[in-house]
Amino acid sequence: MSISSIAVIGAGTMGNGIAHVAAQSGFSVTLIDVSQGALDKALNTIAGNLDRQVKKEAITAEDKDATLARIATSTDLTAGVASADLVIEAASENYDVKKSIFGVVDSACGANTILATNTSSISITELAATTSRADRVIGMHFFNPVPVMKLCEIIRGLATSDETYATVKAMAETMGKVPVEVQDYPGFISNRILMPMINEAIYCVMEGIASPDDIDTVMKLGMAHPMGPLTLADFIGLDVCLSIMEVLHQGLGDTKYRPCPLLRKMVAAGRLGRKSGQGFYAYNK
């Protein structure tokens, strides 16, 4: 199966990044959100990012215009996905939200349409089981910022067919991504390894072992990480980190995945990182 038209559900950071890269790679894209304001903001973000690429001479002004011309927007989920060959859901990291979206999309799409989710931790198998096309449901975990980060985890649910995987892998490569095949287990690869490290760094803060800045410095200078774990946690969002740790803890049943109490406390206080202006560090919103 070949992919020519893509619907992206969710116009937030990940959704607009996916739409940007897909359109720049030659695909026709419909970006869908419940809010026209969110769609307008997304298009402005995409245009701004394309302008930076033009300034760096990575693309031409004509390339920018052609990319934007390939992106349509819609606030109507049913109409927006009706003619898509591939739907990529990039809504909030919440199983019930994703399940509801997949229910609508499954009914609205053509029989051969592939349904993908950009989830960073939620079971592909469980989402697929709520549809009538479990063999055509797959995970595509992009990384932020999407136009820059090359990795794409492609997660196979229990019923995902070889044809679906091959089609999505080829599409990801066309988008300039490096796809990695992953089986459907909690946290996949990236978050199975990354989130316990972040969680342990938060334990070090809670136990008074060192300051956030010193912990980040150790990991940057001692382990050559480009960004310390606490800075990264703020960038990801502490609420997202907590959600993923809860998925790991519940799915794997091992106490080593228990979310740090300080992480829970900070999320309860609304200190979510960059997006709230305060996490382990303070930010100007």
Protein backbone atom coordinates (compact mmCIF):
# COMPACT_ATOMS: atom_id res chain seq x y z
CA MET A 1 0.00 0.00 0.00
CA SER A 2 1.27 3.50 -0.80
CA ILE A 3 0.60 6.62 1.26
CA SER A 4 -0.19 9.95 -0.38
CA SER A 5 -2.59 11.68 2.02
CA ILE A 6 -2.15 11.95 5.78
CA ALA A 7 -4.48 13.26 8.47
CA VAL A 8 -2.85 14.46 11.69
CA ILE A 9 -5.12 14.75 14.72
CA GLY A 10 -4.01 17.35 17.25
CA ALA A 11 -2.40 20.70 16.41
CA GLY A 12 -0.14 20.93 19.44
CA THR A 13 3.64 20.73 19.50
CA MET A 14 3.86 17.17 18.22
CA GLY A 15 0.97 17.40 15.78
CA ASN A 16 2.18 20.54 14.04
CA GLY A 17 5.69 19.10 13.88
CA ILE A 18 4.43 15.91 12.25
CA ALA A 19 2.30 17.91 9.80
CA HIS A 20 5.30 20.11 8.96
CA VAL A 21 7.62 17.19 8.18
CA ALA A 22 4.96 15.21 6.31
CA ALA A 23 4.03 18.15 4.08
CA GLN A 24 7.67 19.05 3.48
CA SER A 25 8.22 15.44 2.38
CA GLY A 26 5.54 15.72 -0.32
CA PHE A 27 2.48 14.29 1.42
CA SER A 28 -0.91 16.00 1.36
CA VAL A 29 -1.78 16.75 4.99
CA THR A 30 -4.99 17.61 6.81
CA LEU A 31 -4.29 18.95 10.30
CA ILE A 32 -7.28 18.47 12.61
CA ASP A 33 -8.13 20.03 15.96
CA VAL A 34 -11.30 20.95 17.81
CA SER A 35 -10.12 24.57 17.99
CA GLN A 36 -9.64 26.82 14.97
CA GLY A 37 -7.41 28.96 17.15
CA ALA A 38 -5.13 26.00 17.77
CA LEU A 39 -4.98 25.32 14.04
CA ASP A 40 -4.13 28.93 13.25
CA LYS A 41 -1.40 28.88 15.90
CA ALA A 42 -0.04 25.62 14.46
CA LEU A 43 0.15 27.05 10.94
CA ASN A 44 1.98 30.11 12.27
CA THR A 45 4.44 27.82 14.08
CA ILE A 46 5.03 25.76 10.95
CA ALA A 47 5.54 28.90 8.85
CA GLY A 48 8.00 30.26 11.41
CA ASN A 49 9.97 27.02 11.47
CA LEU A 50 10.06 26.96 7.68
CA ASP A 51 11.31 30.55 7.69
CA ARG A 52 14.22 29.46 9.86
CA GLN A 53 15.01 26.69 7.39
CA VAL A 54 14.97 29.23 4.55
CA LYS A 55 17.26 31.53 6.52
CA LYS A 56 19.70 28.67 7.05
CA GLU A 57 19.45 27.87 3.33
CA ALA A 58 18.24 24.35 4.12
CA ILE A 59 15.24 24.95 1.84
CA THR A 60 14.18 27.64 -0.64
CA ALA A 61 11.32 30.12 -0.29
CA GLU A 62 9.54 28.12 -3.00
CA ASP A 63 9.93 24.96 -0.88
CA LYS A 64 8.34 26.78 2.05
CA ASP A 65 5.37 27.90 -0.03
CA ALA A 66 4.90 24.42 -1.49
CA THR A 67 4.99 22.87 1.98
CA LEU A 68 2.34 25.23 3.36
CA ALA A 69 0.18 24.66 0.28
CA ARG A 70 0.06 20.94 1.07
CA ILE A 71 -1.47 21.55 4.53
CA ALA A 72 -5.23 21.88 4.93
CA THR A 73 -6.96 22.28 8.29
CA SER A 74 -10.24 21.06 9.72
CA THR A 75 -12.20 21.19 12.96
CA ASP A 76 -14.41 18.32 11.75
CA LEU A 77 -12.76 15.02 12.73
CA THR A 78 -15.03 12.83 10.60
CA ALA A 79 -14.61 14.90 7.44
CA GLY A 80 -10.94 15.51 8.06
CA VAL A 81 -9.97 11.84 8.07
CA ALA A 82 -12.42 10.57 5.44
CA SER A 83 -9.99 10.47 2.51
CA ALA A 84 -6.74 9.85 4.36
CA ASP A 85 -4.51 6.87 3.58
CA LEU A 86 -2.90 7.23 7.00
CA VAL A 87 -4.20 8.88 10.16
CA ILE A 88 -1.68 9.90 12.82
CA GLU A 89 -3.28 10.70 16.17
CA ALA A 90 -1.23 13.16 18.23
CA ALA A 91 -3.72 14.13 20.92
CA SER A 92 -3.01 14.23 24.65
CA GLU A 93 -1.36 11.24 26.33
CA ASN A 94 -4.58 9.82 27.77
CA TYR A 95 -5.96 6.39 26.92
CA ASP A 96 -9.63 7.39 27.12
CA VAL A 97 -9.08 10.39 24.85
CA LYS A 98 -7.23 8.27 22.29
CA LYS A 99 -9.82 5.48 22.48
CA SER A 100 -12.61 7.96 21.79
CA ILE A 101 -10.75 9.43 18.80
CA PHE A 102 -9.96 5.99 17.39
CA GLY A 103 -13.64 5.04 17.65
CA VAL A 104 -14.70 7.98 15.49
CA VAL A 105 -11.83 7.60 13.04
CA ASP A 106 -12.34 3.85 12.62
CA SER A 107 -15.91 4.48 11.50
CA ALA A 108 -15.09 7.47 9.29
CA CYS A 109 -12.09 6.13 7.36
CA GLY A 110 -11.85 3.88 4.36
CA ALA A 111 -11.39 0.16 4.93
CA ASN A 112 -7.69 0.23 4.03
CA THR A 113 -6.70 3.32 6.01
CA ILE A 114 -3.91 2.79 8.54
CA LEU A 115 -4.42 4.26 12.00
CA ALA A 116 -1.29 5.34 13.87
CA THR A 117 -0.83 6.90 17.27
CA ASN A 118 2.04 9.09 18.40
CA THR A 119 1.73 7.76 21.96
CA SER A 120 4.90 7.62 24.03
CA SER A 121 3.68 4.86 26.34
CA ILE A 122 0.07 3.68 25.80
CA SER A 123 -0.50 0.14 24.55
CA ILE A 124 -0.96 -0.14 20.79
CA THR A 125 -2.59 -3.54 21.26
CA GLU A 126 -5.25 -2.12 23.59
CA LEU A 127 -6.06 0.76 21.24
CA ALA A 128 -6.16 -1.58 18.24
CA ALA A 129 -8.60 -3.88 20.02
CA THR A 130 -11.16 -1.05 20.18
CA THR A 131 -11.23 -0.84 16.36
CA SER A 132 -12.41 -3.07 13.51
CA ARG A 133 -8.92 -3.01 11.91
CA ALA A 134 -6.44 -4.18 14.54
CA ASP A 135 -4.09 -5.36 11.79
CA ARG A 136 -3.87 -1.78 10.47
CA VAL A 137 -3.17 -0.05 13.80
CA ILE A 138 0.41 0.89 14.68
CA GLY A 139 2.43 3.25 16.84
CA MET A 140 4.57 6.06 15.42
CA HIS A 141 6.43 7.70 18.29
CA PHE A 142 8.06 10.87 17.00
CA PHE A 143 10.43 12.96 19.10
CA ASN A 144 10.33 16.66 19.89
CA PRO A 145 11.12 18.82 17.97
CA VAL A 146 9.84 16.67 15.11
CA PRO A 147 11.49 18.66 12.29
CA VAL A 148 14.89 18.16 13.96
CA MET A 149 14.85 14.76 15.67
CA LYS A 150 15.53 11.85 13.30
CA LEU A 151 14.25 8.95 15.41
CA CYS A 152 10.81 7.39 15.01
CA GLU A 153 9.87 4.37 17.10
CA ILE A 154 7.45 2.22 15.11
CA ILE A 155 5.53 0.06 17.53
CA ARG A 156 3.81 -3.13 16.45
CA GLY A 157 0.69 -4.17 18.32
CA LEU A 158 -0.04 -7.86 18.72
CA ALA A 159 -2.18 -7.88 15.55
CA THR A 160 -0.26 -5.33 13.42
CA SER A 161 0.35 -6.87 9.99
CA ASP A 162 3.69 -7.03 8.21
CA GLU A 163 2.18 -5.00 5.36
CA THR A 164 1.14 -2.22 7.76
CA TYR A 165 4.57 -2.14 9.34
CA ALA A 166 6.37 -2.09 5.98
CA THR A 167 4.12 0.71 4.68
CA VAL A 168 4.62 2.90 7.74
CA LYS A 169 8.35 2.24 7.88
CA ALA A 170 8.73 3.30 4.23
CA MET A 171 6.65 6.42 4.88
CA ALA A 172 8.79 7.34 7.90
CA GLU A 173 11.93 6.97 5.79
CA THR A 174 10.41 9.23 3.14
CA MET A 175 9.93 11.79 5.92
CA GLY A 176 13.65 11.61 6.64
CA LYS A 177 13.26 9.63 9.85
CA VAL A 178 15.27 6.67 11.07
CA PRO A 179 12.65 4.07 12.04
CA VAL A 180 13.27 1.57 14.81
CA GLU A 181 11.01 -1.48 15.13
CA VAL A 182 9.62 -1.91 18.65
CA GLN A 183 7.29 -4.47 20.16
CA ASP A 184 4.35 -3.33 22.26
CA TYR A 185 5.53 -3.35 25.87
CA PRO A 186 5.21 -0.54 28.44
CA GLY A 187 7.43 2.43 27.62
CA PHE A 188 8.59 0.89 24.34
CA ILE A 189 12.40 1.43 24.13
CA SER A 190 12.97 5.13 24.68
CA ASN A 191 10.82 5.71 27.73
CA ARG A 192 11.51 2.29 29.24
CA ILE A 193 15.12 3.48 29.57
CA LEU A 194 14.78 7.27 29.82
CA MET A 195 12.00 7.72 32.37
CA PRO A 196 13.52 5.60 35.17
CA MET A 197 16.69 7.71 34.79
CA ILE A 198 14.68 10.91 35.13
CA ASN A 199 12.73 9.42 38.04
CA GLU A 200 15.99 8.49 39.80
CA ALA A 201 17.32 12.02 39.28
CA ILE A 202 14.17 13.33 40.98
CA TYR A 203 14.77 10.94 43.89
CA CYS A 204 18.27 12.45 44.19
CA VAL A 205 16.70 15.91 44.53
CA MET A 206 14.11 14.67 47.04
CA GLU A 207 16.77 13.00 49.17
CA GLY A 208 18.95 16.10 49.18
CA ILE A 209 21.86 14.40 47.45
CA ALA A 210 22.51 17.35 45.15
CA SER A 211 20.81 20.34 43.53
CA PRO A 212 19.01 19.98 40.18
CA ASP A 213 21.74 21.99 38.48
CA ASP A 214 24.52 19.82 39.91
CA ILE A 215 22.68 16.61 38.98
CA ASP A 216 22.26 17.86 35.42
CA THR A 217 25.93 18.91 35.29
CA VAL A 218 27.04 15.40 36.29
CA MET A 219 25.03 13.83 33.49
CA LYS A 220 26.13 16.40 30.89
CA LEU A 221 29.83 16.45 31.69
CA GLY A 222 30.25 12.94 33.05
CA MET A 223 28.00 11.02 30.65
CA ALA A 224 28.08 13.40 27.65
CA HIS A 225 24.31 13.89 27.64
CA PRO A 226 23.37 17.01 25.67
CA MET A 227 20.77 17.92 28.30
CA GLY A 228 20.55 16.98 31.98
CA PRO A 229 17.66 14.72 33.09
CA LEU A 230 15.91 17.41 35.13
CA THR A 231 16.12 20.00 32.36
CA LEU A 232 14.77 17.33 30.02
CA ALA A 233 11.96 16.49 32.45
CA ASP A 234 10.94 20.16 32.47
CA PHE A 235 11.05 20.20 28.67
CA ILE A 236 8.90 17.06 28.35
CA GLY A 237 6.49 18.14 31.08
CA LEU A 238 6.46 16.67 34.58
CA ASP A 239 2.84 15.58 34.16
CA VAL A 240 3.85 13.57 31.08
CA CYS A 241 6.80 12.06 32.96
CA LEU A 242 4.47 11.03 35.79
CA SER A 243 1.96 9.52 33.37
CA ILE A 244 4.65 7.43 31.69
CA MET A 245 6.09 6.26 35.02
CA GLU A 246 2.59 5.17 36.06
CA VAL A 247 2.22 3.19 32.82
CA LEU A 248 5.58 1.50 33.48
CA HIS A 249 4.72 0.78 37.12
CA GLN A 250 1.28 -0.61 36.33
CA GLY A 251 2.30 -2.50 33.20
CA LEU A 252 5.48 -4.11 34.53
CA GLY A 253 4.54 -4.40 38.21
CA ASP A 254 8.05 -3.72 39.48
CA THR A 255 8.64 -1.28 42.35
CA LYS A 256 11.70 0.11 40.55
CA TYR A 257 9.23 1.97 38.32
CA ARG A 258 7.41 3.60 41.27
CA PRO A 259 7.03 7.34 40.53
CA CYS A 260 9.04 9.49 42.92
CA PRO A 261 6.80 11.18 45.54
CA LEU A 262 8.44 14.53 44.72
CA LEU A 263 7.35 14.11 41.08
CA ARG A 264 3.77 13.52 42.21
CA LYS A 265 3.93 16.55 44.54
CA MET A 266 5.24 18.87 41.84
CA VAL A 267 2.55 17.80 39.38
CA ALA A 268 -0.13 18.27 42.05
CA ALA A 269 1.21 21.78 42.65
CA GLY A 270 1.00 22.60 38.94
CA ARG A 271 4.77 22.85 38.56
CA LEU A 272 4.90 21.07 35.23
CA GLY A 273 8.10 22.49 33.76
CA ARG A 274 8.51 24.85 30.83
CA LYS A 275 4.84 24.90 29.89
CA SER A 276 3.77 26.15 33.33
CA GLY A 277 6.79 28.42 33.87
CA GLN A 278 8.09 26.45 36.85
CA GLY A 279 9.48 22.96 37.28
CA PHE A 280 12.92 22.11 38.57
CA TYR A 281 13.88 25.44 37.03
CA ALA A 282 12.03 28.73 36.51
CA TYR A 283 11.10 29.87 33.00
CA ASN A 284 9.73 33.05 31.46
CA LYS A 285 6.42 32.09 29.86
